[in-house]
């Protein structure tokens, strides 16, 4: 069970505080989002623009780390989190050596293959290949990552907004990723069984409802990604009879 952007129901998403809270809540790890910033570092933030979580509107891919590091991305969730900064991927991997980390490669209109190469390098440098899964909605980015680091597990992200049936068929047929990461609304019983029957490991997002936890646990999906990992951990325990 993984925290979606950390324990994002309670803490500011994609921050060290959110990741720590997810781990304290019993998560096996967490999902996070990465871009290459303007000076080339791999930074952890969901949107390409910083406005939603920081106030000032800066385009991450054009802004150097020195400027991004000045932003407060925690205060919007309350005074307790004021001063949280945008972390670098290597910082997260170093701070949480026991966590499973799902790294989502983000893409704007044109995917940046250098992001895939940089993430592969950082994961290897951290000796974290056995606990990292890399995912993306971008088939191009996922292909670049699979070529750069075939030993690191990868998953293709799908949801209803992006011609999911055609994209799923093409991406799984051509890229042959070991995993598929579907949105919750796509994870019907029939689809889950069909995907798993093809040998795909499934990580379903975003699962916060106890009834859905029990249903997906019963179907045998590999991972649940939740905004509220502590509550979902309790629901998994009940579903397992513990």
Protein backbone atom coordinates (compact mmCIF):
# COMPACT_ATOMS: atom_id res chain seq x y z
CA UNK A 1 0.00 0.00 0.00
CA UNK A 2 1.41 3.35 -1.10
CA UNK A 3 0.59 6.90 -0.08
CA UNK A 4 -0.55 9.01 -3.05
CA UNK A 5 1.93 11.92 -3.10
CA UNK A 6 2.55 10.80 0.48
CA UNK A 7 -0.24 11.08 3.02
CA UNK A 8 -1.76 13.86 0.94
CA UNK A 9 -5.17 13.83 2.66
CA UNK A 10 -3.49 15.29 5.74
CA UNK A 11 -0.12 16.76 4.75
CA UNK A 12 1.06 18.91 1.84
CA UNK A 13 1.50 16.62 -1.15
CA UNK A 14 4.90 15.56 -2.46
CA UNK A 15 6.80 16.86 0.57
CA UNK A 16 9.11 15.14 3.01
CA UNK A 17 6.45 15.70 5.68
CA UNK A 18 3.80 13.90 3.62
CA UNK A 19 6.12 10.98 2.92
CA UNK A 20 7.08 10.66 6.58
CA UNK A 21 3.42 10.72 7.64
CA UNK A 22 2.60 7.98 5.13
CA UNK A 23 5.33 5.77 6.54
CA UNK A 24 4.21 6.40 10.13
CA UNK A 25 0.70 5.40 9.06
CA UNK A 26 1.87 1.96 8.00
CA UNK A 27 2.37 2.49 4.28
CA UNK A 28 4.90 0.34 2.47
CA UNK A 29 5.99 3.49 0.67
CA UNK A 30 4.56 6.27 -1.44
CA UNK A 31 3.96 7.58 -4.94
CA UNK A 32 5.49 10.87 -6.07
CA UNK A 33 5.77 12.99 -9.23
CA UNK A 34 8.93 14.31 -10.87
CA UNK A 35 10.06 16.87 -13.44
CA UNK A 36 13.47 18.12 -14.52
CA UNK A 37 13.72 21.73 -13.40
CA UNK A 38 15.34 24.53 -15.36
CA UNK A 39 18.83 23.79 -14.00
CA UNK A 40 18.53 20.06 -14.70
CA UNK A 41 17.82 18.52 -11.28
CA UNK A 42 14.96 16.07 -10.80
CA UNK A 43 12.44 17.70 -8.45
CA UNK A 44 9.35 16.30 -6.77
CA UNK A 45 6.16 18.22 -7.57
CA UNK A 46 2.93 17.29 -9.36
CA UNK A 47 2.11 20.34 -11.48
CA UNK A 48 4.44 21.91 -14.00
CA UNK A 49 3.43 25.28 -12.53
CA UNK A 50 4.06 26.00 -8.85
CA UNK A 51 1.02 28.26 -8.27
CA UNK A 52 -1.35 25.69 -6.72
CA UNK A 53 0.98 24.62 -3.91
CA UNK A 54 3.29 27.62 -3.53
CA UNK A 55 1.45 30.81 -4.55
CA UNK A 56 3.96 32.27 -7.02
CA UNK A 57 3.45 30.98 -10.55
CA UNK A 58 6.70 29.52 -11.86
CA UNK A 59 7.13 26.97 -14.61
CA UNK A 60 9.14 24.15 -13.06
CA UNK A 61 10.86 23.10 -16.28
CA UNK A 62 12.16 26.64 -16.82
CA UNK A 63 13.03 27.59 -13.24
CA UNK A 64 16.39 26.76 -11.62
CA UNK A 65 16.58 24.76 -8.42
CA UNK A 66 17.91 27.76 -6.53
CA UNK A 67 14.64 29.63 -7.12
CA UNK A 68 12.38 26.63 -6.60
CA UNK A 69 14.13 25.96 -3.30
CA UNK A 70 12.94 29.32 -1.97
CA UNK A 71 9.26 28.38 -2.28
CA UNK A 72 7.10 27.33 0.66
CA UNK A 73 5.00 24.39 -0.55
CA UNK A 74 3.62 23.46 2.88
CA UNK A 75 1.98 26.58 4.25
CA UNK A 76 -1.13 26.14 2.13
CA UNK A 77 -1.99 23.12 4.32
CA UNK A 78 -1.61 25.02 7.58
CA UNK A 79 0.99 26.61 9.82
CA UNK A 80 2.31 23.25 11.02
CA UNK A 81 3.72 22.64 7.55
CA UNK A 82 5.00 26.12 6.81
CA UNK A 83 8.50 26.00 5.38
CA UNK A 84 8.24 22.67 3.55
CA UNK A 85 10.30 22.83 0.36
CA UNK A 86 10.19 21.09 -3.01
CA UNK A 87 12.43 18.05 -2.52
CA UNK A 88 14.86 16.53 -5.02
CA UNK A 89 14.37 12.89 -5.93
CA UNK A 90 17.75 11.85 -4.54
CA UNK A 91 16.87 13.58 -1.26
CA UNK A 92 13.70 11.52 -0.94
CA UNK A 93 15.45 8.24 -1.72
CA UNK A 94 18.15 9.03 0.86
CA UNK A 95 15.69 10.07 3.58
CA UNK A 96 13.45 7.01 3.23
CA UNK A 97 15.78 4.04 2.64
CA UNK A 98 13.15 1.45 3.56
CA UNK A 99 10.29 2.87 1.47
CA UNK A 100 8.92 1.50 -1.78
CA UNK A 101 8.86 4.55 -4.06
CA UNK A 102 6.65 4.85 -7.13
CA UNK A 103 8.21 7.60 -9.26
CA UNK A 104 5.83 9.07 -11.83
CA UNK A 105 7.56 10.72 -14.78
CA UNK A 106 5.59 13.84 -15.70
CA UNK A 107 5.30 15.22 -19.21
CA UNK A 108 3.97 18.44 -20.69
CA UNK A 109 3.04 18.69 -24.37
CA UNK A 110 6.46 17.35 -25.38
CA UNK A 111 7.97 14.60 -23.17
CA UNK A 112 11.52 15.14 -21.95
CA UNK A 113 13.57 11.94 -22.49
CA UNK A 114 16.32 13.45 -20.34
CA UNK A 115 13.98 13.09 -17.36
CA UNK A 116 13.81 9.33 -17.86
CA UNK A 117 17.59 9.08 -18.16
CA UNK A 118 18.16 11.25 -15.09
CA UNK A 119 15.76 9.19 -12.97
CA UNK A 120 17.45 5.96 -14.05
CA UNK A 121 20.81 7.39 -13.05
CA UNK A 122 19.60 8.65 -9.67
CA UNK A 123 17.91 5.38 -8.76
CA UNK A 124 21.07 3.44 -9.58
CA UNK A 125 23.24 5.87 -7.63
CA UNK A 126 20.96 5.43 -4.62
CA UNK A 127 21.11 1.64 -5.06
CA UNK A 128 17.33 1.71 -4.90
CA UNK A 129 16.44 -0.35 -7.98
CA UNK A 130 14.87 -3.11 -5.88
CA UNK A 131 12.42 -0.72 -4.18
CA UNK A 132 11.56 1.74 -6.95
CA UNK A 133 8.81 1.46 -9.55
CA UNK A 134 8.70 4.04 -12.33
CA UNK A 135 5.40 4.95 -14.01
CA UNK A 136 4.10 7.44 -16.56
CA UNK A 137 1.11 8.35 -18.70
CA UNK A 138 3.63 9.07 -21.46
CA UNK A 139 4.46 6.03 -23.57
CA UNK A 140 7.49 7.91 -24.91
CA UNK A 141 8.90 8.58 -21.46
CA UNK A 142 8.23 5.04 -20.31
CA UNK A 143 9.93 3.68 -23.44
CA UNK A 144 12.97 5.87 -22.79
CA UNK A 145 13.13 4.68 -19.20
CA UNK A 146 12.73 1.00 -20.16
CA UNK A 147 15.65 1.35 -22.57
CA UNK A 148 17.79 3.14 -20.00
CA UNK A 149 17.01 0.88 -17.04
CA UNK A 150 15.35 -2.41 -18.02
CA UNK A 151 16.14 -3.86 -14.59
CA UNK A 152 13.91 -1.34 -12.76
CA UNK A 153 10.17 -2.19 -12.68
CA UNK A 154 7.92 0.10 -14.69
CA UNK A 155 4.18 0.61 -15.00
CA UNK A 156 1.98 2.32 -17.58
CA UNK A 157 -0.60 4.74 -16.15
CA UNK A 158 -4.10 4.81 -17.62
CA UNK A 159 -7.32 6.69 -16.94
CA UNK A 160 -10.53 7.43 -18.86
CA UNK A 161 -9.40 10.84 -20.10
CA UNK A 162 -6.71 9.56 -22.45
CA UNK A 163 -8.16 7.03 -24.95
CA UNK A 164 -7.29 4.40 -22.39
CA UNK A 165 -8.30 1.30 -24.35
CA UNK A 166 -6.18 2.09 -27.41
CA UNK A 167 -3.28 3.42 -25.34
CA UNK A 168 -3.32 0.42 -23.02
CA UNK A 169 -3.30 -2.04 -25.90
CA UNK A 170 -0.51 -0.25 -27.76
CA UNK A 171 1.67 0.49 -24.75
CA UNK A 172 1.43 -2.94 -23.15
CA UNK A 173 1.91 -4.62 -26.52
CA UNK A 174 4.94 -2.57 -27.59
CA UNK A 175 6.57 -1.60 -24.29
CA UNK A 176 5.69 -4.77 -22.40
CA UNK A 177 5.91 -3.13 -18.96
CA UNK A 178 5.56 -5.55 -16.06
CA UNK A 179 2.84 -3.42 -14.48
CA UNK A 180 -0.28 -1.43 -15.30
CA UNK A 181 -1.48 1.41 -13.06
CA UNK A 182 -5.18 2.02 -13.78
CA UNK A 183 -7.43 4.59 -12.15
CA UNK A 184 -9.96 3.18 -9.70
CA UNK A 185 -12.93 3.64 -12.04
CA UNK A 186 -11.26 1.41 -14.64
CA UNK A 187 -10.48 -1.36 -12.17
CA UNK A 188 -13.64 -3.42 -12.59
CA UNK A 189 -13.52 -7.06 -11.60
CA UNK A 190 -13.51 -8.30 -15.19
CA UNK A 191 -10.73 -5.94 -16.27
CA UNK A 192 -8.61 -6.67 -13.22
CA UNK A 193 -8.87 -10.40 -13.84
CA UNK A 194 -8.10 -9.97 -17.54
CA UNK A 195 -5.07 -7.77 -16.92
CA UNK A 196 -3.73 -10.04 -14.23
CA UNK A 197 -4.33 -13.00 -16.50
CA UNK A 198 -1.88 -11.40 -18.93
CA UNK A 199 0.75 -11.34 -16.20
CA UNK A 200 0.48 -7.62 -15.39
CA UNK A 201 0.97 -6.43 -11.83
CA UNK A 202 -1.68 -3.85 -10.97
CA UNK A 203 -1.32 -0.73 -8.85
CA UNK A 204 -4.73 0.96 -8.58
CA UNK A 205 -5.17 4.66 -7.77
CA UNK A 206 -6.62 6.49 -5.91
CA UNK A 207 -8.25 4.17 -3.35
CA UNK A 208 -9.61 5.80 -0.19
CA UNK A 209 -12.89 3.92 0.36
CA UNK A 210 -12.86 0.88 2.66
CA UNK A 211 -15.31 -1.07 0.49
CA UNK A 212 -13.08 -0.56 -2.54
CA UNK A 213 -10.06 -1.63 -0.51
CA UNK A 214 -11.75 -4.90 0.38
CA UNK A 215 -12.90 -5.49 -3.20
CA UNK A 216 -9.49 -4.89 -4.75
CA UNK A 217 -7.71 -6.82 -2.00
CA UNK A 218 -10.00 -9.75 -2.74
CA UNK A 219 -9.15 -9.54 -6.44
CA UNK A 220 -5.45 -9.77 -5.60
CA UNK A 221 -4.13 -6.49 -7.01
CA UNK A 222 -0.45 -5.89 -6.27
CA UNK A 223 -0.75 -2.38 -4.79
CA UNK A 224 -3.26 0.22 -3.66
CA UNK A 225 -2.34 3.91 -3.91
CA UNK A 226 -4.21 6.07 -1.40
CA UNK A 227 -4.41 9.66 -0.17
CA UNK A 228 -5.08 8.29 3.34
CA UNK A 229 -2.67 5.39 3.79
CA UNK A 230 -3.23 4.93 7.54
CA UNK A 231 -6.97 4.39 7.07
CA UNK A 232 -6.41 2.12 4.09
CA UNK A 233 -3.85 0.09 6.05
CA UNK A 234 -6.54 -0.54 8.67
CA UNK A 235 -9.00 -1.57 5.96
CA UNK A 236 -6.44 -3.94 4.42
CA UNK A 237 -5.93 -5.50 7.84
CA UNK A 238 -9.66 -6.09 8.21
CA UNK A 239 -9.89 -7.54 4.69
CA UNK A 240 -7.04 -9.90 5.50
CA UNK A 241 -8.79 -11.02 8.65
CA UNK A 242 -6.27 -9.35 10.92
